[in-house]
């Protein structure tokens, strides 16, 4: 969940027009964090850890989606 908060902060900073390149960092770290969150969700023993993994998965997914859309609109993908 901590990494998802960091990825979200980089995504917010990446929305600034001159700092759109940070979205590449958001997508790369966010993709790794999505995999880690899925593994944590599958291995969760308690409800608290399951909730933390779910929150991390949702926040990282949203940050990656918004970062991807920002890259599409900024024409940095093609």
C-alpha atoms as a PDB file:
ATOM      1  CA  UNK A   1       0.000   0.000   0.000  1.00  0.00           C
ATOM      2  CA  UNK A   2       2.910   2.360   0.656  1.00  0.00           C
ATOM      3  CA  UNK A   3       4.243   1.926  -2.865  1.00  0.00           C
ATOM      4  CA  UNK A   4       0.785   2.679  -4.258  1.00  0.00           C
ATOM      5  CA  UNK A   5       0.746   6.000  -2.402  1.00  0.00           C
ATOM      6  CA  UNK A   6       4.173   6.845  -3.833  1.00  0.00           C
ATOM      7  CA  UNK A   7       3.038   5.881  -7.352  1.00  0.00           C
ATOM      8  CA  UNK A   8      -0.063   8.059  -6.927  1.00  0.00           C
ATOM      9  CA  UNK A   9       2.069  11.031  -5.868  1.00  0.00           C
ATOM     10  CA  UNK A  10       4.262  10.624  -8.937  1.00  0.00           C
ATOM     11  CA  UNK A  11       1.135  10.381 -11.094  1.00  0.00           C
ATOM     12  CA  UNK A  12      -0.189  13.650  -9.666  1.00  0.00           C
ATOM     13  CA  UNK A  13       3.130  15.387 -10.283  1.00  0.00           C
ATOM     14  CA  UNK A  14       3.177  13.842 -13.778  1.00  0.00           C
ATOM     15  CA  UNK A  15      -0.027  15.714 -14.632  1.00  0.00           C
ATOM     16  CA  UNK A  16       1.985  18.958 -14.742  1.00  0.00           C
ATOM     17  CA  UNK A  17       2.639  19.661 -18.454  1.00  0.00           C
ATOM     18  CA  UNK A  18       6.450  19.788 -18.288  1.00  0.00           C
ATOM     19  CA  UNK A  19       6.736  16.731 -16.045  1.00  0.00           C
ATOM     20  CA  UNK A  20       4.776  14.243 -18.131  1.00  0.00           C
ATOM     21  CA  UNK A  21       7.819  11.979 -18.389  1.00  0.00           C
ATOM     22  CA  UNK A  22       7.179  10.951 -14.765  1.00  0.00           C
ATOM     23  CA  UNK A  23       4.244   8.903 -16.021  1.00  0.00           C
ATOM     24  CA  UNK A  24       6.713   6.434 -17.546  1.00  0.00           C
ATOM     25  CA  UNK A  25       8.051   5.917 -14.021  1.00  0.00           C
ATOM     26  CA  UNK A  26       4.490   5.627 -12.751  1.00  0.00           C
ATOM     27  CA  UNK A  27       3.673   2.895 -15.269  1.00  0.00           C
ATOM     28  CA  UNK A  28       6.839   0.896 -14.670  1.00  0.00           C
ATOM     29  CA  UNK A  29       6.735   0.962 -10.859  1.00  0.00           C
ATOM     30  CA  UNK A  30       2.948   0.689 -10.874  1.00  0.00           C
ATOM     31  CA  UNK A  31       3.058  -2.440 -13.012  1.00  0.00           C
ATOM     32  CA  UNK A  32       5.437  -4.111 -10.586  1.00  0.00           C
ATOM     33  CA  UNK A  33       3.286  -2.976  -7.677  1.00  0.00           C
ATOM     34  CA  UNK A  34       0.172  -4.445  -9.307  1.00  0.00           C
ATOM     35  CA  UNK A  35       1.862  -7.840  -9.403  1.00  0.00           C
ATOM     36  CA  UNK A  36       3.034  -7.481  -5.783  1.00  0.00           C
ATOM     37  CA  UNK A  37      -0.471  -6.464  -4.679  1.00  0.00           C
ATOM     38  CA  UNK A  38      -2.050  -9.466  -6.398  1.00  0.00           C
ATOM     39  CA  UNK A  39       0.445 -11.810  -4.724  1.00  0.00           C
ATOM     40  CA  UNK A  40      -0.187 -10.140  -1.354  1.00  0.00           C
ATOM     41  CA  UNK A  41      -3.938 -10.462  -1.854  1.00  0.00           C
ATOM     42  CA  UNK A  42      -3.654 -14.163  -2.617  1.00  0.00           C
ATOM     43  CA  UNK A  43      -1.413 -14.809   0.407  1.00  0.00           C
ATOM     44  CA  UNK A  44      -3.349 -12.663   2.902  1.00  0.00           C
ATOM     45  CA  UNK A  45      -4.229 -14.428   6.120  1.00  0.00           C
ATOM     46  CA  UNK A  46      -6.206 -11.778   7.989  1.00  0.00           C
ATOM     47  CA  UNK A  47      -8.906  -9.362   6.941  1.00  0.00           C
ATOM     48  CA  UNK A  48      -6.667  -6.358   7.647  1.00  0.00           C
ATOM     49  CA  UNK A  49      -3.917  -7.535   5.317  1.00  0.00           C
ATOM     50  CA  UNK A  50      -6.496  -8.467   2.669  1.00  0.00           C
ATOM     51  CA  UNK A  51      -8.003  -4.973   2.874  1.00  0.00           C
ATOM     52  CA  UNK A  52      -4.571  -3.321   2.642  1.00  0.00           C
ATOM     53  CA  UNK A  53      -3.700  -5.383  -0.434  1.00  0.00           C
ATOM     54  CA  UNK A  54      -7.038  -4.542  -2.061  1.00  0.00           C
ATOM     55  CA  UNK A  55      -6.605  -0.826  -1.397  1.00  0.00           C
ATOM     56  CA  UNK A  56      -3.081  -0.961  -2.837  1.00  0.00           C
ATOM     57  CA  UNK A  57      -4.338  -2.793  -5.904  1.00  0.00           C
ATOM     58  CA  UNK A  58      -7.146  -0.302  -6.562  1.00  0.00           C
ATOM     59  CA  UNK A  59      -5.039   2.821  -5.956  1.00  0.00           C
ATOM     60  CA  UNK A  60      -2.194   1.570  -8.135  1.00  0.00           C
ATOM     61  CA  UNK A  61      -4.604   0.523 -10.892  1.00  0.00           C
ATOM     62  CA  UNK A  62      -6.186   3.975 -10.940  1.00  0.00           C
ATOM     63  CA  UNK A  63      -2.792   5.704 -10.924  1.00  0.00           C
ATOM     64  CA  UNK A  64      -1.575   3.564 -13.836  1.00  0.00           C
ATOM     65  CA  UNK A  65      -4.770   4.169 -15.808  1.00  0.00           C
ATOM     66  CA  UNK A  66      -4.624   7.939 -15.315  1.00  0.00           C
ATOM     67  CA  UNK A  67      -0.902   7.981 -16.128  1.00  0.00           C
ATOM     68  CA  UNK A  68      -1.533   6.021 -19.321  1.00  0.00           C
ATOM     69  CA  UNK A  69      -4.312   8.379 -20.394  1.00  0.00           C
ATOM     70  CA  UNK A  70      -2.017  11.340 -19.656  1.00  0.00           C
ATOM     71  CA  UNK A  71       0.652   9.828 -21.880  1.00  0.00           C
ATOM     72  CA  UNK A  72      -1.895   9.286 -24.644  1.00  0.00           C
ATOM     73  CA  UNK A  73      -3.110  12.886 -24.443  1.00  0.00           C
ATOM     74  CA  UNK A  74       0.406  14.279 -24.251  1.00  0.00           C
ATOM     75  CA  UNK A  75       1.458  12.312 -27.354  1.00  0.00           C
ATOM     76  CA  UNK A  76       4.420  10.794 -25.526  1.00  0.00           C
ATOM     77  CA  UNK A  77       3.473   7.223 -26.349  1.00  0.00           C
ATOM     78  CA  UNK A  78       3.838   7.302 -30.118  1.00  0.00           C
END
